[in-house]
C-alpha atoms as a PDB file:
ATOM      1  CA  MET A   1       0.000   0.000   0.000  1.00  0.00           C
ATOM      2  CA  ALA A   2       2.928   2.319   0.670  1.00  0.00           C
ATOM      3  CA  ASP A   3       3.888   2.307  -3.016  1.00  0.00           C
ATOM      4  CA  VAL A   4       0.341   3.258  -4.061  1.00  0.00           C
ATOM      5  CA  ILE A   5       0.314   6.167  -1.607  1.00  0.00           C
ATOM      6  CA  ALA A   6       3.821   7.223  -2.718  1.00  0.00           C
ATOM      7  CA  ALA A   7       2.778   7.232  -6.388  1.00  0.00           C
ATOM      8  CA  ASN A   8      -0.252   9.378  -5.583  1.00  0.00           C
ATOM      9  CA  ASP A   9       1.792  11.780  -3.457  1.00  0.00           C
ATOM     10  CA  PHE A  10       4.438  12.058  -6.201  1.00  0.00           C
ATOM     11  CA  LEU A  11       1.837  13.109  -8.772  1.00  0.00           C
ATOM     12  CA  VAL A  12       0.107  15.543  -6.413  1.00  0.00           C
ATOM     13  CA  ALA A  13       3.440  17.233  -5.658  1.00  0.00           C
ATOM     14  CA  ARG A  14       4.279  17.792  -9.352  1.00  0.00           C
ATOM     15  CA  GLU A  15       3.865  21.414 -10.398  1.00  0.00           C
ATOM     16  CA  GLN A  16       2.627  20.396 -13.866  1.00  0.00           C
ATOM     17  CA  VAL A  17      -0.162  18.179 -12.480  1.00  0.00           C
ATOM     18  CA  ASP A  18      -3.613  19.380 -11.462  1.00  0.00           C
ATOM     19  CA  PRO A  19      -4.360  17.228  -8.377  1.00  0.00           C
ATOM     20  CA  SER A  20      -8.113  17.428  -9.038  1.00  0.00           C
ATOM     21  CA  ALA A  21      -7.573  15.818 -12.463  1.00  0.00           C
ATOM     22  CA  ILE A  22      -5.729  12.707 -11.247  1.00  0.00           C
ATOM     23  CA  ALA A  23      -7.600   9.500 -12.007  1.00  0.00           C
ATOM     24  CA  VAL A  24      -6.911   6.305 -10.094  1.00  0.00           C
ATOM     25  CA  VAL A  25      -7.578   3.166 -12.116  1.00  0.00           C
ATOM     26  CA  GLY A  26      -7.223  -0.367 -10.832  1.00  0.00           C
ATOM     27  CA  THR A  27      -7.744  -3.851 -12.214  1.00  0.00           C
ATOM     28  CA  SER A  28      -8.053  -6.954 -10.040  1.00  0.00           C
ATOM     29  CA  TYR A  29      -5.825  -6.526  -6.971  1.00  0.00           C
ATOM     30  CA  GLY A  30      -4.975  -3.021  -8.208  1.00  0.00           C
ATOM     31  CA  GLY A  31      -8.690  -2.231  -7.989  1.00  0.00           C
ATOM     32  CA  TYR A  32      -8.685  -3.378  -4.399  1.00  0.00           C
ATOM     33  CA  LEU A  33      -5.644  -1.202  -3.636  1.00  0.00           C
ATOM     34  CA  ALA A  34      -7.155   1.768  -5.495  1.00  0.00           C
ATOM     35  CA  THR A  35     -10.215   1.494  -3.275  1.00  0.00           C
ATOM     36  CA  LEU A  36      -8.062   1.435  -0.140  1.00  0.00           C
ATOM     37  CA  LEU A  37      -6.248   4.553  -1.376  1.00  0.00           C
ATOM     38  CA  THR A  38      -9.509   6.502  -1.087  1.00  0.00           C
ATOM     39  CA  ALA A  39      -9.337   6.055   2.696  1.00  0.00           C
ATOM     40  CA  GLU A  40      -5.842   7.566   2.775  1.00  0.00           C
ATOM     41  CA  ARG A  41      -5.944  10.315   0.142  1.00  0.00           C
ATOM     42  CA  THR A  42      -8.485  12.451  -1.702  1.00  0.00           C
ATOM     43  CA  VAL A  43      -9.435  10.725  -4.951  1.00  0.00           C
ATOM     44  CA  ASN A  44     -11.719  12.617  -7.333  1.00  0.00           C
ATOM     45  CA  TRP A  45     -11.744  10.047 -10.140  1.00  0.00           C
ATOM     46  CA  LEU A  46     -11.815   6.304  -9.448  1.00  0.00           C
ATOM     47  CA  ALA A  47     -12.295   3.524 -11.989  1.00  0.00           C
ATOM     48  CA  LEU A  48     -12.378  -0.128 -11.006  1.00  0.00           C
ATOM     49  CA  ARG A  49     -12.234  -2.943 -13.512  1.00  0.00           C
ATOM     50  CA  VAL A  50     -13.019  -6.334 -12.020  1.00  0.00           C
ATOM     51  CA  PRO A  51     -11.817  -5.377  -8.529  1.00  0.00           C
ATOM     52  CA  ALA A  52     -10.549  -8.293  -6.500  1.00  0.00           C
ATOM     53  CA  LEU A  53     -12.404  -9.407  -3.407  1.00  0.00           C
ATOM     54  CA  TYR A  54     -10.161  -9.810  -0.383  1.00  0.00           C
ATOM     55  CA  PRO A  55     -11.002  -9.627   3.326  1.00  0.00           C
ATOM     56  CA  ASP A  56     -10.226  -6.114   4.569  1.00  0.00           C
ATOM     57  CA  SER A  57      -8.548  -7.531   7.652  1.00  0.00           C
ATOM     58  CA  HIS A  58      -5.639  -8.662   5.432  1.00  0.00           C
ATOM     59  CA  TRP A  59      -5.057  -5.491   3.379  1.00  0.00           C
ATOM     60  CA  ASP A  60      -1.491  -5.152   4.680  1.00  0.00           C
ATOM     61  CA  VAL A  61      -0.518  -8.759   3.891  1.00  0.00           C
ATOM     62  CA  PRO A  62       0.789  -9.668   0.420  1.00  0.00           C
ATOM     63  CA  LYS A  63      -1.954 -11.607  -1.309  1.00  0.00           C
ATOM     64  CA  ALA A  64       0.365 -14.577  -1.899  1.00  0.00           C
ATOM     65  CA  LEU A  65       0.586 -15.032   1.893  1.00  0.00           C
ATOM     66  CA  ILE A  66      -3.169 -15.033   2.530  1.00  0.00           C
ATOM     67  CA  SER A  67      -4.729 -18.456   2.960  1.00  0.00           C
ATOM     68  CA  ARG A  68      -6.314 -19.484  -0.364  1.00  0.00           C
ATOM     69  CA  ASP A  69      -9.036 -21.372   1.521  1.00  0.00           C
ATOM     70  CA  GLY A  70      -9.819 -18.255   3.555  1.00  0.00           C
ATOM     71  CA  ILE A  71     -10.090 -16.107   0.422  1.00  0.00           C
ATOM     72  CA  ASN A  72     -12.372 -18.622  -1.288  1.00  0.00           C
ATOM     73  CA  GLN A  73     -14.587 -18.880   1.795  1.00  0.00           C
ATOM     74  CA  TYR A  74     -14.855 -15.059   1.937  1.00  0.00           C
ATOM     75  CA  ARG A  75     -15.819 -14.890  -1.742  1.00  0.00           C
ATOM     76  CA  ARG A  76     -18.392 -17.702  -1.412  1.00  0.00           C
ATOM     77  CA  HIS A  77     -19.960 -15.843   1.513  1.00  0.00           C
ATOM     78  CA  LEU A  78     -20.276 -12.666  -0.591  1.00  0.00           C
ATOM     79  CA  ARG A  79     -21.806 -14.530  -3.553  1.00  0.00           C
ATOM     80  CA  THR A  80     -24.338 -16.187  -1.242  1.00  0.00           C
ATOM     81  CA  PHE A  81     -25.197 -12.844   0.354  1.00  0.00           C
ATOM     82  CA  ILE A  82     -25.681 -11.172  -3.029  1.00  0.00           C
ATOM     83  CA  ARG A  83     -27.901 -14.005  -4.320  1.00  0.00           C
ATOM     84  CA  THR A  84     -30.131 -13.953  -1.246  1.00  0.00           C
ATOM     85  CA  ALA A  85     -30.242 -10.193  -0.606  1.00  0.00           C
ATOM     86  CA  ARG A  86     -33.581  -8.580  -1.263  1.00  0.00           C
ATOM     87  CA  LEU A  87     -33.713  -5.076  -2.628  1.00  0.00           C
ATOM     88  CA  PRO A  88     -36.448  -2.754  -1.410  1.00  0.00           C
ATOM     89  CA  PRO A  89     -39.343  -2.453  -3.859  1.00  0.00           C
ATOM     90  CA  ALA A  90     -38.933   0.262  -6.466  1.00  0.00           C
ATOM     91  CA  SER A  91     -41.072   3.318  -5.977  1.00  0.00           C
ATOM     92  CA  SER A  92     -44.094   3.356  -8.278  1.00  0.00           C
ATOM     93  CA  SER A  93     -44.033   7.137  -8.495  1.00  0.00           C
ATOM     94  CA  VAL A  94     -41.678   8.854 -10.889  1.00  0.00           C
ATOM     95  CA  ALA A  95     -40.756  12.481 -10.359  1.00  0.00           C
ATOM     96  CA  THR A  96     -41.407  14.671 -13.370  1.00  0.00           C
ATOM     97  CA  SER A  97     -40.602  18.301 -13.916  1.00  0.00           C
END
């Protein structure tokens, strides 16, 4: 995570860079790290492409050291939750102007 924060801080400190125009883009584990960056730094533009699902309690552990069984159990739990979650009914009224 320190390298992600350092990269962001490097860009923000550059005179030629408008900090409000910096976009953070992450794919897979990079998407996970990009999301964590938003808790540490101001991010105005965030794009996630297939962000990885890892337990937040292990964000500071290299993913290769996290138990594969634990990761798979976490992901199965999320898939089960999403399949069984019920969304509130949509409102039948539509605002018009």
